[in-house]
C-alpha cells in the first residue's frame, strides 16, 4: 500500500550502451505505478550476456532489481 514518488534509474550493459526510464519519477498510488525502461545497445556489441541494474529511490528507501540480456551474433 505504498503511496509516494519514486525516482528511477538503470545502469549496466556493454560499453556504450544507454539505459533510460520513462518517466524518471513515477508516483505510486496504493503500491501501483507504471514506468517503462529501455536500453540501447551499440551496433558493434559483442555477443554475450549483460546485466542491467534497475534502481528505485524514495526518500531513505532504495530498492534494486537486475535483469540479464543475451546478445547473440548476427
N, C-alpha and C. Protein backbone atom coordinates (compact mmCIF):
# COMPACT_ATOMS: atom_id res chain seq x y z
N UNK A 1 0.77 -1.19 0.00
CA UNK A 1 0.00 0.00 0.00
C UNK A 1 0.83 1.27 0.00
N UNK A 2 2.06 1.25 -0.52
CA UNK A 2 2.90 2.43 -0.53
C UNK A 2 2.35 3.49 -1.47
N UNK A 3 2.36 4.73 -1.05
CA UNK A 3 2.00 5.87 -1.90
C UNK A 3 3.10 6.89 -1.80
N UNK A 4 3.63 7.33 -2.93
CA UNK A 4 4.70 8.32 -2.94
C UNK A 4 5.43 8.34 -4.25
N UNK A 5 6.37 9.27 -4.39
CA UNK A 5 7.18 9.39 -5.59
C UNK A 5 8.41 8.50 -5.52
N UNK A 6 8.75 7.88 -6.63
CA UNK A 6 9.94 7.05 -6.73
C UNK A 6 10.75 7.54 -7.92
N UNK A 7 12.04 7.80 -7.68
CA UNK A 7 12.96 8.19 -8.75
C UNK A 7 13.61 6.93 -9.28
N UNK A 8 13.53 6.73 -10.59
CA UNK A 8 14.02 5.51 -11.22
C UNK A 8 15.32 5.78 -11.98
N UNK A 9 16.17 4.76 -12.01
CA UNK A 9 17.38 4.82 -12.83
C UNK A 9 17.77 3.40 -13.21
N UNK A 10 18.59 3.29 -14.23
CA UNK A 10 19.10 1.98 -14.63
C UNK A 10 20.53 2.17 -15.14
N UNK A 11 21.31 1.10 -15.03
CA UNK A 11 22.71 1.18 -15.43
C UNK A 11 23.20 -0.21 -15.79
N UNK A 12 24.35 -0.24 -16.41
CA UNK A 12 24.96 -1.51 -16.77
C UNK A 12 24.93 -1.72 -18.27
N UNK A 13 25.16 -2.95 -18.68
CA UNK A 13 25.22 -3.29 -20.09
C UNK A 13 26.62 -3.12 -20.64
N UNK A 14 26.77 -3.35 -21.94
CA UNK A 14 28.10 -3.23 -22.55
C UNK A 14 28.53 -1.78 -22.67
N UNK A 15 29.81 -1.57 -22.89
CA UNK A 15 30.33 -0.21 -23.09
C UNK A 15 29.58 0.47 -24.21
N UNK A 16 29.19 1.72 -23.97
CA UNK A 16 28.49 2.49 -24.99
C UNK A 16 26.99 2.31 -24.99
N UNK A 17 26.45 1.46 -24.12
CA UNK A 17 25.01 1.28 -24.07
C UNK A 17 24.37 2.45 -23.31
N UNK A 18 23.07 2.62 -23.54
CA UNK A 18 22.36 3.72 -22.89
C UNK A 18 21.04 3.19 -22.34
N UNK A 19 20.83 3.36 -21.05
CA UNK A 19 19.62 2.90 -20.38
C UNK A 19 18.82 4.11 -19.92
N UNK A 20 17.50 4.05 -20.08
CA UNK A 20 16.64 5.18 -19.73
C UNK A 20 15.31 4.68 -19.18
N UNK A 21 14.78 5.40 -18.19
CA UNK A 21 13.46 5.11 -17.62
C UNK A 21 12.49 6.20 -18.02
N UNK A 22 11.27 5.83 -18.32
CA UNK A 22 10.23 6.78 -18.71
C UNK A 22 8.99 6.53 -17.87
N UNK A 23 8.55 7.42 -17.03
CA UNK A 23 9.21 8.66 -16.65
C UNK A 23 10.32 8.37 -15.65
N UNK A 24 11.15 9.36 -15.39
CA UNK A 24 12.23 9.16 -14.42
C UNK A 24 11.71 9.22 -12.99
N UNK A 25 10.58 9.86 -12.79
CA UNK A 25 9.92 9.85 -11.48
C UNK A 25 8.49 9.39 -11.68
N UNK A 26 8.11 8.37 -10.93
CA UNK A 26 6.76 7.83 -11.02
C UNK A 26 6.09 7.96 -9.66
N UNK A 27 4.81 8.27 -9.66
CA UNK A 27 4.05 8.37 -8.41
C UNK A 27 3.25 7.09 -8.22
N UNK A 28 3.50 6.42 -7.10
CA UNK A 28 2.74 5.21 -6.77
C UNK A 28 1.52 5.58 -5.96
N UNK A 29 0.41 4.97 -6.28
CA UNK A 29 -0.82 5.10 -5.51
C UNK A 29 -1.20 3.72 -5.02
N UNK A 30 -1.22 3.54 -3.70
CA UNK A 30 -1.56 2.25 -3.09
C UNK A 30 -0.72 1.12 -3.67
N UNK A 31 0.57 1.39 -3.87
CA UNK A 31 1.51 0.37 -4.32
C UNK A 31 1.53 0.13 -5.81
N UNK A 32 0.82 0.93 -6.61
CA UNK A 32 0.77 0.69 -8.05
C UNK A 32 1.25 1.90 -8.82
N UNK A 33 2.10 1.67 -9.80
CA UNK A 33 2.58 2.71 -10.70
C UNK A 33 3.08 2.04 -11.97
N UNK A 34 3.36 2.83 -12.98
CA UNK A 34 3.79 2.28 -14.25
C UNK A 34 4.94 3.10 -14.82
N UNK A 35 5.99 2.41 -15.22
CA UNK A 35 7.12 3.05 -15.89
C UNK A 35 7.67 2.05 -16.90
N UNK A 36 8.38 2.55 -17.88
CA UNK A 36 9.00 1.71 -18.91
C UNK A 36 10.49 1.98 -18.88
N UNK A 37 11.29 0.92 -18.94
CA UNK A 37 12.74 1.06 -19.03
C UNK A 37 13.18 0.50 -20.37
N UNK A 38 14.13 1.18 -20.99
CA UNK A 38 14.66 0.71 -22.26
C UNK A 38 16.16 0.83 -22.27
N UNK A 39 16.80 -0.04 -23.05
CA UNK A 39 18.25 0.04 -23.19
C UNK A 39 18.61 -0.09 -24.66
N UNK A 40 19.51 0.79 -25.08
CA UNK A 40 20.03 0.75 -26.44
C UNK A 40 21.44 0.18 -26.39
N UNK A 41 21.65 -0.89 -27.14
CA UNK A 41 22.97 -1.50 -27.23
C UNK A 41 23.65 -0.97 -28.49
N UNK A 42 24.95 -0.67 -28.45
CA UNK A 42 25.67 -0.23 -29.65
C UNK A 42 25.62 -1.32 -30.73
N UNK A 43 25.65 -0.89 -31.98
CA UNK A 43 25.57 -1.82 -33.10
C UNK A 43 26.68 -2.87 -33.07
N UNK A 44 27.86 -2.49 -32.57
CA UNK A 44 29.01 -3.41 -32.56
C UNK A 44 29.15 -4.17 -31.24
N UNK A 45 28.07 -4.33 -30.49
CA UNK A 45 28.13 -5.05 -29.21
C UNK A 45 28.54 -6.50 -29.43
N UNK A 46 29.53 -6.95 -28.68
CA UNK A 46 29.99 -8.33 -28.78
C UNK A 46 28.94 -9.28 -28.21
N UNK A 47 28.78 -10.46 -28.81
CA UNK A 47 27.86 -11.44 -28.25
C UNK A 47 28.24 -11.74 -26.80
N UNK A 48 27.24 -11.98 -25.98
CA UNK A 48 27.49 -12.29 -24.58
C UNK A 48 26.27 -11.95 -23.74
N UNK A 49 26.40 -12.16 -22.46
CA UNK A 49 25.31 -11.87 -21.51
C UNK A 49 25.69 -10.64 -20.71
N UNK A 50 24.75 -9.69 -20.61
CA UNK A 50 24.98 -8.43 -19.94
C UNK A 50 23.93 -8.23 -18.86
N UNK A 51 24.35 -7.64 -17.75
CA UNK A 51 23.44 -7.39 -16.62
C UNK A 51 23.11 -5.91 -16.55
N UNK A 52 21.81 -5.62 -16.38
CA UNK A 52 21.32 -4.27 -16.20
C UNK A 52 20.76 -4.18 -14.78
N UNK A 53 21.08 -3.11 -14.07
CA UNK A 53 20.57 -2.89 -12.72
C UNK A 53 19.55 -1.76 -12.75
N UNK A 54 18.38 -2.02 -12.21
CA UNK A 54 17.30 -1.04 -12.12
C UNK A 54 17.18 -0.62 -10.66
N UNK A 55 17.11 0.69 -10.41
CA UNK A 55 17.07 1.22 -9.05
C UNK A 55 15.89 2.16 -8.89
N UNK A 56 15.21 2.03 -7.76
CA UNK A 56 14.14 2.96 -7.39
C UNK A 56 14.45 3.54 -6.02
N UNK A 57 14.32 4.87 -5.90
CA UNK A 57 14.63 5.55 -4.65
C UNK A 57 13.46 6.44 -4.26
N UNK A 58 13.05 6.32 -2.99
CA UNK A 58 12.03 7.20 -2.43
C UNK A 58 12.47 7.55 -1.01
N UNK A 59 12.95 8.78 -0.83
CA UNK A 59 13.45 9.18 0.48
C UNK A 59 14.63 8.30 0.87
N UNK A 60 14.54 7.67 2.05
CA UNK A 60 15.61 6.80 2.54
C UNK A 60 15.47 5.37 2.04
N UNK A 61 14.45 5.08 1.25
CA UNK A 61 14.20 3.71 0.76
C UNK A 61 14.80 3.55 -0.63
N UNK A 62 15.63 2.53 -0.80
CA UNK A 62 16.21 2.19 -2.09
C UNK A 62 15.95 0.72 -2.37
N UNK A 63 15.53 0.42 -3.59
CA UNK A 63 15.31 -0.97 -3.98
C UNK A 63 15.92 -1.16 -5.36
N UNK A 64 16.57 -2.32 -5.55
CA UNK A 64 17.18 -2.61 -6.85
C UNK A 64 16.71 -3.96 -7.35
N UNK A 65 16.77 -4.10 -8.66
CA UNK A 65 16.49 -5.38 -9.31
C UNK A 65 17.43 -5.48 -10.51
N UNK A 66 17.75 -6.68 -10.91
CA UNK A 66 18.63 -6.86 -12.06
C UNK A 66 17.93 -7.72 -13.12
N UNK A 67 18.36 -7.54 -14.33
CA UNK A 67 17.91 -8.36 -15.45
C UNK A 67 19.12 -8.66 -16.31
N UNK A 68 19.14 -9.81 -16.94
CA UNK A 68 20.22 -10.14 -17.85
C UNK A 68 19.69 -10.19 -19.28
N UNK A 69 20.52 -9.71 -20.20
CA UNK A 69 20.20 -9.72 -21.61
C UNK A 69 21.30 -10.50 -22.32
N UNK A 70 20.90 -11.34 -23.25
CA UNK A 70 21.87 -12.10 -24.02
C UNK A 70 21.89 -11.59 -25.46
N UNK A 71 23.05 -11.14 -25.88
CA UNK A 71 23.23 -10.66 -27.25
C UNK A 71 23.82 -11.82 -28.04
N UNK A 72 23.12 -12.20 -29.11
CA UNK A 72 23.62 -13.29 -29.95
C UNK A 72 24.26 -12.70 -31.19
N UNK A 73 25.09 -13.48 -31.85
CA UNK A 73 25.77 -12.98 -33.04
C UNK A 73 24.76 -12.78 -34.16
N UNK A 74 25.07 -11.87 -35.08
CA UNK A 74 24.18 -11.51 -36.18
C UNK A 74 24.07 -12.63 -37.17
